[in-house]
Every structure is written in C-alpha cells, then in structure tokens.
Amino acid sequence: MKIQFAHIHIQGTDVAIFDAKPVSSSDANRASLLAQLTARARHSGLKVDKSALAYNEGGRTVFYGTPDLVRYLQQSGVPRWTHSFDV
C-alpha cells in the first residue's frame, strides 16, 4: 500500500500530514497509525516536529494529530502531497 504525505514547513515547524485512514476511528488506532507513519518519515531522513492524519470519513475530511496542527489544517485544508512511501 502506498501512503502519500506532505512534508512542509509551517511557521518554523517541520510537519508531516499523512493521507491515511485508520482501521477504526478509535483514538488508540489513530494514535498508533500516526506514530508508525511519523516514525517511518523520520527514519527516511525527514525532520518531523508535528504530524497529523488527513482522511475522508462520511463525506468530509477528518484530521487527527497534534492539536494546533489540526486546527491549522481545519482552516487551511489539506496541502498537496509531496512524498510517498510503501507500507
């Protein structure tokens, strides 16, 4: 499976936003998926200070991750995907 993500710089912070939907919407599943993808991005050499998931659920985009990054994404929307990796 290919995961697309955006690795961008926002107000002095390196962030990663992953196009990935968890198996279920429980906080435990979302947190686990986000931690795995963040570790994978860091392992590939990217600096990631904050991260979030962005996925469609019920016809709307859902964000999960660092609270201030989620608030930012809710206002600005999903950025263009800049990277991808296979999982």
PDB file of N, CA and C in Angstrom:
ATOM      1  N   MET A   1       0.850  -1.176   0.000  1.00  0.00           N
ATOM      2  CA  MET A   1       0.000   0.000   0.000  1.00  0.00           C
ATOM      3  C   MET A   1       0.896   1.239   0.000  1.00  0.00           C
ATOM      4  N   LYS A   2       0.552   2.199  -0.826  1.00  0.00           N
ATOM      5  CA  LYS A   2       1.313   3.444  -0.914  1.00  0.00           C
ATOM      6  C   LYS A   2       0.630   4.521  -0.072  1.00  0.00           C
ATOM      7  N   ILE A   3       1.398   5.156   0.792  1.00  0.00           N
ATOM      8  CA  ILE A   3       0.909   6.260   1.622  1.00  0.00           C
ATOM      9  C   ILE A   3       1.491   7.551   1.070  1.00  0.00           C
ATOM     10  N   GLN A   4       0.628   8.481   0.736  1.00  0.00           N
ATOM     11  CA  GLN A   4       1.075   9.811   0.315  1.00  0.00           C
ATOM     12  C   GLN A   4       1.094  10.721   1.533  1.00  0.00           C
ATOM     13  N   PHE A   5       2.018  11.666   1.523  1.00  0.00           N
ATOM     14  CA  PHE A   5       2.040  12.633   2.612  1.00  0.00           C
ATOM     15  C   PHE A   5       2.693  13.930   2.161  1.00  0.00           C
ATOM     16  N   ALA A   6       2.399  14.964   2.928  1.00  0.00           N
ATOM     17  CA  ALA A   6       3.007  16.270   2.691  1.00  0.00           C
ATOM     18  C   ALA A   6       4.015  16.511   3.801  1.00  0.00           C
ATOM     19  N   HIS A   7       5.226  16.857   3.413  1.00  0.00           N
ATOM     20  CA  HIS A   7       6.248  17.265   4.378  1.00  0.00           C
ATOM     21  C   HIS A   7       6.522  18.727   4.078  1.00  0.00           C
ATOM     22  N   ILE A   8       6.031  19.596   4.955  1.00  0.00           N
ATOM     23  CA  ILE A   8       6.108  21.025   4.699  1.00  0.00           C
ATOM     24  C   ILE A   8       6.587  21.765   5.942  1.00  0.00           C
ATOM     25  N   HIS A   9       6.928  23.015   5.727  1.00  0.00           N
ATOM     26  CA  HIS A   9       7.411  23.896   6.787  1.00  0.00           C
ATOM     27  C   HIS A   9       6.322  24.935   7.052  1.00  0.00           C
ATOM     28  N   ILE A  10       5.794  24.946   8.281  1.00  0.00           N
ATOM     29  CA  ILE A  10       4.748  25.900   8.644  1.00  0.00           C
ATOM     30  C   ILE A  10       5.211  26.689   9.848  1.00  0.00           C
ATOM     31  N   GLN A  11       5.373  27.976   9.688  1.00  0.00           N
ATOM     32  CA  GLN A  11       5.747  28.886  10.779  1.00  0.00           C
ATOM     33  C   GLN A  11       6.915  28.352  11.607  1.00  0.00           C
ATOM     34  N   GLY A  12       7.978  27.949  10.931  1.00  0.00           N
ATOM     35  CA  GLY A  12       9.185  27.494  11.610  1.00  0.00           C
ATOM     36  C   GLY A  12       9.143  26.063  12.111  1.00  0.00           C
ATOM     37  N   THR A  13       8.128  25.312  11.725  1.00  0.00           N
ATOM     38  CA  THR A  13       7.967  23.946  12.196  1.00  0.00           C
ATOM     39  C   THR A  13       7.875  22.989  11.014  1.00  0.00           C
ATOM     40  N   ASP A  14       8.607  21.883  11.093  1.00  0.00           N
ATOM     41  CA  ASP A  14       8.538  20.856  10.058  1.00  0.00           C
ATOM     42  C   ASP A  14       7.400  19.905  10.392  1.00  0.00           C
ATOM     43  N   VAL A  15       6.445  19.773   9.470  1.00  0.00           N
ATOM     44  CA  VAL A  15       5.274  18.946   9.728  1.00  0.00           C
ATOM     45  C   VAL A  15       5.089  17.910   8.622  1.00  0.00           C
ATOM     46  N   ALA A  16       4.431  16.824   9.006  1.00  0.00           N
ATOM     47  CA  ALA A  16       4.061  15.783   8.054  1.00  0.00           C
ATOM     48  C   ALA A  16       2.564  15.537   8.204  1.00  0.00           C
ATOM     49  N   ILE A  17       1.862  15.552   7.068  1.00  0.00           N
ATOM     50  CA  ILE A  17       0.438  15.269   7.046  1.00  0.00           C
ATOM     51  C   ILE A  17       0.261  14.046   6.152  1.00  0.00           C
ATOM     52  N   PHE A  18      -0.289  12.975   6.717  1.00  0.00           N
ATOM     53  CA  PHE A  18      -0.390  11.693   6.031  1.00  0.00           C
ATOM     54  C   PHE A  18      -1.806  11.440   5.521  1.00  0.00           C
ATOM     55  N   ASP A  19      -1.897  10.992   4.282  1.00  0.00           N
ATOM     56  CA  ASP A  19      -3.172  10.593   3.672  1.00  0.00           C
ATOM     57  C   ASP A  19      -3.408   9.136   4.032  1.00  0.00           C
ATOM     58  N   ALA A  20      -3.898   8.910   5.249  1.00  0.00           N
ATOM     59  CA  ALA A  20      -4.061   7.538   5.728  1.00  0.00           C
ATOM     60  C   ALA A  20      -5.240   7.458   6.689  1.00  0.00           C
ATOM     61  N   LYS A  21      -6.099   6.480   6.436  1.00  0.00           N
ATOM     62  CA  LYS A  21      -7.269   6.276   7.288  1.00  0.00           C
ATOM     63  C   LYS A  21      -7.016   5.064   8.184  1.00  0.00           C
ATOM     64  N   PRO A  22      -7.237   5.220   9.496  1.00  0.00           N
ATOM     65  CA  PRO A  22      -7.049   4.084  10.395  1.00  0.00           C
ATOM     66  C   PRO A  22      -8.117   3.018  10.181  1.00  0.00           C
ATOM     67  N   VAL A  23      -7.831   1.805  10.652  1.00  0.00           N
ATOM     68  CA  VAL A  23      -8.772   0.693  10.527  1.00  0.00           C
ATOM     69  C   VAL A  23     -10.097   1.035  11.203  1.00  0.00           C
ATOM     70  N   SER A  24     -10.014   1.662  12.375  1.00  0.00           N
ATOM     71  CA  SER A  24     -11.216   2.152  13.049  1.00  0.00           C
ATOM     72  C   SER A  24     -10.930   3.551  13.561  1.00  0.00           C
ATOM     73  N   SER A  25     -11.973   4.266  13.920  1.00  0.00           N
ATOM     74  CA  SER A  25     -11.802   5.657  14.340  1.00  0.00           C
ATOM     75  C   SER A  25     -11.506   5.808  15.828  1.00  0.00           C
ATOM     76  N   SER A  26     -11.118   4.739  16.494  1.00  0.00           N
ATOM     77  CA  SER A  26     -10.785   4.865  17.915  1.00  0.00           C
ATOM     78  C   SER A  26      -9.501   5.676  18.060  1.00  0.00           C
ATOM     79  N   ASP A  27      -9.408   6.402  19.148  1.00  0.00           N
ATOM     80  CA  ASP A  27      -8.196   7.195  19.391  1.00  0.00           C
ATOM     81  C   ASP A  27      -6.956   6.319  19.414  1.00  0.00           C
ATOM     82  N   ALA A  28      -7.074   5.111  19.962  1.00  0.00           N
ATOM     83  CA  ALA A  28      -5.919   4.211  20.034  1.00  0.00           C
ATOM     84  C   ALA A  28      -5.434   3.830  18.636  1.00  0.00           C
ATOM     85  N   ASN A  29      -6.340   3.517  17.734  1.00  0.00           N
ATOM     86  CA  ASN A  29      -5.947   3.159  16.366  1.00  0.00           C
ATOM     87  C   ASN A  29      -5.376   4.352  15.620  1.00  0.00           C
ATOM     88  N   ARG A  30      -5.994   5.507  15.778  1.00  0.00           N
ATOM     89  CA  ARG A  30      -5.479   6.705  15.100  1.00  0.00           C
ATOM     90  C   ARG A  30      -4.101   7.068  15.630  1.00  0.00           C
ATOM     91  N   ALA A  31      -3.922   7.019  16.946  1.00  0.00           N
ATOM     92  CA  ALA A  31      -2.628   7.362  17.548  1.00  0.00           C
ATOM     93  C   ALA A  31      -1.551   6.378  17.111  1.00  0.00           C
ATOM     94  N   SER A  32      -1.888   5.100  17.061  1.00  0.00           N
ATOM     95  CA  SER A  32      -0.920   4.089  16.648  1.00  0.00           C
ATOM     96  C   SER A  32      -0.494   4.290  15.193  1.00  0.00           C
ATOM     97  N   LEU A  33      -1.458   4.499  14.305  1.00  0.00           N
ATOM     98  CA  LEU A  33      -1.142   4.720  12.897  1.00  0.00           C
ATOM     99  C   LEU A  33      -0.291   5.968  12.723  1.00  0.00           C
ATOM    100  N   LEU A  34      -0.662   7.048  13.396  1.00  0.00           N
ATOM    101  CA  LEU A  34       0.107   8.289  13.284  1.00  0.00           C
ATOM    102  C   LEU A  34       1.535   8.093  13.787  1.00  0.00           C
ATOM    103  N   ALA A  35       1.707   7.404  14.889  1.00  0.00           N
ATOM    104  CA  ALA A  35       3.050   7.160  15.430  1.00  0.00           C
ATOM    105  C   ALA A  35       3.888   6.331  14.453  1.00  0.00           C
ATOM    106  N   GLN A  36       3.294   5.298  13.862  1.00  0.00           N
ATOM    107  CA  GLN A  36       4.017   4.455  12.911  1.00  0.00           C
ATOM    108  C   GLN A  36       4.454   5.246  11.675  1.00  0.00           C
ATOM    109  N   LEU A  37       3.541   6.043  11.127  1.00  0.00           N
ATOM    110  CA  LEU A  37       3.863   6.804   9.919  1.00  0.00           C
ATOM    111  C   LEU A  37       4.880   7.905  10.201  1.00  0.00           C
ATOM    112  N   THR A  38       4.767   8.546  11.366  1.00  0.00           N
ATOM    113  CA  THR A  38       5.729   9.583  11.742  1.00  0.00           C
ATOM    114  C   THR A  38       7.117   8.975  11.898  1.00  0.00           C
ATOM    115  N   ALA A  39       7.192   7.822  12.545  1.00  0.00           N
ATOM    116  CA  ALA A  39       8.488   7.143  12.706  1.00  0.00           C
ATOM    117  C   ALA A  39       9.069   6.767  11.347  1.00  0.00           C
ATOM    118  N   ARG A  40       8.218   6.313  10.437  1.00  0.00           N
ATOM    119  CA  ARG A  40       8.680   5.937   9.097  1.00  0.00           C
ATOM    120  C   ARG A  40       9.241   7.144   8.351  1.00  0.00           C
ATOM    121  N   ALA A  41       8.555   8.285   8.443  1.00  0.00           N
ATOM    122  CA  ALA A  41       9.043   9.501   7.782  1.00  0.00           C
ATOM    123  C   ALA A  41      10.375   9.936   8.385  1.00  0.00           C
ATOM    124  N   ARG A  42      10.499   9.893   9.696  1.00  0.00           N
ATOM    125  CA  ARG A  42      11.760  10.263  10.354  1.00  0.00           C
ATOM    126  C   ARG A  42      12.870   9.302   9.966  1.00  0.00           C
ATOM    127  N   HIS A  43      12.544   8.015   9.896  1.00  0.00           N
ATOM    128  CA  HIS A  43      13.535   7.005   9.523  1.00  0.00           C
ATOM    129  C   HIS A  43      14.048   7.227   8.099  1.00  0.00           C
ATOM    130  N   SER A  44      13.213   7.805   7.254  1.00  0.00           N
ATOM    131  CA  SER A  44      13.628   8.083   5.874  1.00  0.00           C
ATOM    132  C   SER A  44      14.459   9.363   5.770  1.00  0.00           C
ATOM    133  N   GLY A  45      14.721  10.002   6.922  1.00  0.00           N
ATOM    134  CA  GLY A  45      15.597  11.167   6.937  1.00  0.00           C
ATOM    135  C   GLY A  45      14.906  12.513   7.021  1.00  0.00           C
ATOM    136  N   LEU A  46      13.591  12.528   7.151  1.00  0.00           N
ATOM    137  CA  LEU A  46      12.866  13.794   7.232  1.00  0.00           C
ATOM    138  C   LEU A  46      12.751  14.253   8.682  1.00  0.00           C
ATOM    139  N   LYS A  47      12.876  15.545   8.885  1.00  0.00           N
ATOM    140  CA  LYS A  47      12.654  16.112  10.211  1.00  0.00           C
ATOM    141  C   LYS A  47      11.155  16.344  10.362  1.00  0.00           C
ATOM    142  N   VAL A  48      10.573  15.800  11.426  1.00  0.00           N
ATOM    143  CA  VAL A  48       9.137  15.947  11.674  1.00  0.00           C
ATOM    144  C   VAL A  48       8.948  16.389  13.116  1.00  0.00           C
ATOM    145  N   ASP A  49       8.516  17.641  13.294  1.00  0.00           N
ATOM    146  CA  ASP A  49       8.233  18.164  14.630  1.00  0.00           C
ATOM    147  C   ASP A  49       6.796  17.866  15.052  1.00  0.00           C
ATOM    148  N   LYS A  50       5.880  17.938  14.095  1.00  0.00           N
ATOM    149  CA  LYS A  50       4.459  17.699  14.352  1.00  0.00           C
ATOM    150  C   LYS A  50       3.897  16.919  13.177  1.00  0.00           C
ATOM    151  N   SER A  51       2.834  16.145  13.459  1.00  0.00           N
ATOM    152  CA  SER A  51       2.253  15.357  12.376  1.00  0.00           C
ATOM    153  C   SER A  51       0.753  15.192  12.581  1.00  0.00           C
ATOM    154  N   ALA A  52       0.095  14.786  11.491  1.00  0.00           N
ATOM    155  CA  ALA A  52      -1.351  14.588  11.526  1.00  0.00           C
ATOM    156  C   ALA A  52      -1.763  13.620  10.425  1.00  0.00           C
ATOM    157  N   LEU A  53      -2.903  12.997  10.641  1.00  0.00           N
ATOM    158  CA  LEU A  53      -3.557  12.194   9.607  1.00  0.00           C
ATOM    159  C   LEU A  53      -4.624  13.071   8.954  1.00  0.00           C
ATOM    160  N   ALA A  54      -4.855  12.862   7.676  1.00  0.00           N
ATOM    161  CA  ALA A  54      -5.942  13.541   6.956  1.00  0.00           C
ATOM    162  C   ALA A  54      -6.632  12.484   6.106  1.00  0.00           C
ATOM    163  N   TYR A  55      -7.917  12.250   6.370  1.00  0.00           N
ATOM    164  CA  TYR A  55      -8.628  11.219   5.628  1.00  0.00           C
ATOM    165  C   TYR A  55     -10.109  11.575   5.523  1.00  0.00           C
ATOM    166  N   ASN A  56     -10.771  10.944   4.543  1.00  0.00           N
ATOM    167  CA  ASN A  56     -12.199  11.173   4.336  1.00  0.00           C
ATOM    168  C   ASN A  56     -13.005  10.161   5.127  1.00  0.00           C
ATOM    169  N   GLU A  57     -14.043  10.669   5.781  1.00  0.00           N
ATOM    170  CA  GLU A  57     -14.950   9.807   6.530  1.00  0.00           C
ATOM    171  C   GLU A  57     -16.335  10.444   6.475  1.00  0.00           C
ATOM    172  N   GLY A  58     -17.281   9.708   5.967  1.00  0.00           N
ATOM    173  CA  GLY A  58     -18.639  10.232   5.882  1.00  0.00           C
ATOM    174  C   GLY A  58     -18.757  11.454   4.993  1.00  0.00           C
ATOM    175  N   GLY A  59     -17.934  11.522   3.952  1.00  0.00           N
ATOM    176  CA  GLY A  59     -18.016  12.634   3.019  1.00  0.00           C
ATOM    177  C   GLY A  59     -17.311  13.905   3.455  1.00  0.00           C
ATOM    178  N   ARG A  60     -16.566  13.849   4.540  1.00  0.00           N
ATOM    179  CA  ARG A  60     -15.826  15.050   4.964  1.00  0.00           C
ATOM    180  C   ARG A  60     -14.400  14.666   5.342  1.00  0.00           C
ATOM    181  N   THR A  61     -13.517  15.643   5.308  1.00  0.00           N
ATOM    182  CA  THR A  61     -12.125  15.406   5.675  1.00  0.00           C
ATOM    183  C   THR A  61     -11.975  15.475   7.182  1.00  0.00           C
ATOM    184  N   VAL A  62     -11.352  14.450   7.738  1.00  0.00           N
ATOM    185  CA  VAL A  62     -11.103  14.361   9.173  1.00  0.00           C
ATOM    186  C   VAL A  62      -9.604  14.508   9.399  1.00  0.00           C
ATOM    187  N   PHE A  63      -9.239  15.278  10.400  1.00  0.00           N
ATOM    188  CA  PHE A  63      -7.833  15.442  10.777  1.00  0.00           C
ATOM    189  C   PHE A  63      -7.635  14.889  12.176  1.00  0.00           C
ATOM    190  N   TYR A  64      -6.489  14.253  12.399  1.00  0.00           N
ATOM    191  CA  TYR A  64      -6.149  13.750  13.722  1.00  0.00           C
ATOM    192  C   TYR A  64      -4.653  13.935  13.913  1.00  0.00           C
ATOM    193  N   GLY A  65      -4.268  14.512  15.034  1.00  0.00           N
ATOM    194  CA  GLY A  65      -2.845  14.673  15.314  1.00  0.00           C
ATOM    195  C   GLY A  65      -2.607  15.756  16.336  1.00  0.00           C
ATOM    196  N   THR A  66      -1.467  16.405  16.218  1.00  0.00           N
ATOM    197  CA  THR A  66      -1.103  17.476  17.121  1.00  0.00           C
ATOM    198  C   THR A  66      -2.198  18.554  17.073  1.00  0.00           C
ATOM    199  N   PRO A  67      -2.787  18.904  18.236  1.00  0.00           N
ATOM    200  CA  PRO A  67      -3.964  19.791  18.243  1.00  0.00           C
ATOM    201  C   PRO A  67      -3.795  21.106  17.478  1.00  0.00           C
ATOM    202  N   ASP A  68      -2.681  21.805  17.639  1.00  0.00           N
ATOM    203  CA  ASP A  68      -2.544  23.078  16.930  1.00  0.00           C
ATOM    204  C   ASP A  68      -2.383  22.867  15.427  1.00  0.00           C
ATOM    205  N   LEU A  69      -1.772  21.766  15.018  1.00  0.00           N
ATOM    206  CA  LEU A  69      -1.660  21.458  13.594  1.00  0.00           C
ATOM    207  C   LEU A  69      -3.038  21.101  13.034  1.00  0.00           C
ATOM    208  N   VAL A  70      -3.823  20.349  13.780  1.00  0.00           N
ATOM    209  CA  VAL A  70      -5.183  20.002  13.346  1.00  0.00           C
ATOM    210  C   VAL A  70      -6.016  21.270  13.160  1.00  0.00           C
ATOM    211  N   ARG A  71      -5.937  22.205  14.103  1.00  0.00           N
ATOM    212  CA  ARG A  71      -6.682  23.481  13.966  1.00  0.00           C
ATOM    213  C   ARG A  71      -6.247  24.219  12.703  1.00  0.00           C
ATOM    214  N   TYR A  72      -4.947  24.254  12.450  1.00  0.00           N
ATOM    215  CA  TYR A  72      -4.424  24.912  11.256  1.00  0.00           C
ATOM    216  C   TYR A  72      -4.980  24.243   9.996  1.00  0.00           C
ATOM    217  N   LEU A  73      -4.958  22.920   9.948  1.00  0.00           N
ATOM    218  CA  LEU A  73      -5.432  22.194   8.780  1.00  0.00           C
ATOM    219  C   LEU A  73      -6.932  22.356   8.576  1.00  0.00           C
ATOM    220  N   GLN A  74      -7.686  22.437   9.663  1.00  0.00           N
ATOM    221  CA  GLN A  74      -9.132  22.650   9.546  1.00  0.00           C
ATOM    222  C   GLN A  74      -9.439  23.982   8.875  1.00  0.00           C
ATOM    223  N   GLN A  75      -8.581  24.962   9.069  1.00  0.00           N
ATOM    224  CA  GLN A  75      -8.786  26.271   8.441  1.00  0.00           C
ATOM    225  C   GLN A  75      -8.205  26.342   7.037  1.00  0.00           C
ATOM    226  N   SER A  76      -7.044  25.723   6.826  1.00  0.00           N
ATOM    227  CA  SER A  76      -6.347  25.868   5.548  1.00  0.00           C
ATOM    228  C   SER A  76      -6.600  24.733   4.570  1.00  0.00           C
ATOM    229  N   GLY A  77      -7.030  23.572   5.067  1.00  0.00           N
ATOM    230  CA  GLY A  77      -7.265  22.417   4.200  1.00  0.00           C
ATOM    231  C   GLY A  77      -6.026  21.553   4.046  1.00  0.00           C
ATOM    232  N   VAL A  78      -6.182  20.504   3.276  1.00  0.00           N
ATOM    233  CA  VAL A  78      -5.101  19.544   3.061  1.00  0.00           C
ATOM    234  C   VAL A  78      -4.116  20.110   2.038  1.00  0.00           C
ATOM    235  N   PRO A  79      -2.821  20.099   2.360  1.00  0.00           N
ATOM    236  CA  PRO A  79      -1.828  20.575   1.387  1.00  0.00           C
ATOM    237  C   PRO A  79      -1.601  19.538   0.286  1.00  0.00           C
ATOM    238  N   ARG A  80      -0.858  19.902  -0.729  1.00  0.00           N
ATOM    239  CA  ARG A  80      -0.501  18.959  -1.799  1.00  0.00           C
ATOM    240  C   ARG A  80       0.466  17.921  -1.240  1.00  0.00           C
ATOM    241  N   TRP A  81       0.292  16.687  -1.685  1.00  0.00           N
ATOM    242  CA  TRP A  81       1.186  15.609  -1.266  1.00  0.00           C
ATOM    243  C   TRP A  81       2.543  15.820  -1.923  1.00  0.00           C
ATOM    244  N   THR A  82       3.596  15.697  -1.143  1.00  0.00           N
ATOM    245  CA  THR A  82       4.945  15.945  -1.636  1.00  0.00           C
ATOM    246  C   THR A  82       5.806  14.682  -1.676  1.00  0.00           C
ATOM    247  N   HIS A  83       5.408  13.657  -0.913  1.00  0.00           N
ATOM    248  CA  HIS A  83       6.196  12.432  -0.790  1.00  0.00           C
ATOM    249  C   HIS A  83       5.245  11.234  -0.723  1.00  0.00           C
ATOM    250  N   SER A  84       5.828  10.051  -0.838  1.00  0.00           N
ATOM    251  CA  SER A  84       5.074   8.829  -0.614  1.00  0.00           C
ATOM    252  C   SER A  84       6.038   7.712  -0.224  1.00  0.00           C
ATOM    253  N   PHE A  85       5.512   6.705   0.427  1.00  0.00           N
ATOM    254  CA  PHE A  85       6.283   5.500   0.700  1.00  0.00           C
ATOM    255  C   PHE A  85       5.335   4.306   0.744  1.00  0.00           C
ATOM    256  N   ASP A  86       5.910   3.135   0.550  1.00  0.00           N
ATOM    257  CA  ASP A  86       5.137   1.899   0.588  1.00  0.00           C
ATOM    258  C   ASP A  86       5.168   1.336   1.998  1.00  0.00           C
ATOM    259  N   VAL A  87       4.032   0.836   2.445  1.00  0.00           N
ATOM    260  CA  VAL A  87       3.954   0.199   3.767  1.00  0.00           C
ATOM    261  C   VAL A  87       3.455  -1.215   3.613  1.00  0.00           C
TER     262      VAL A  87
END
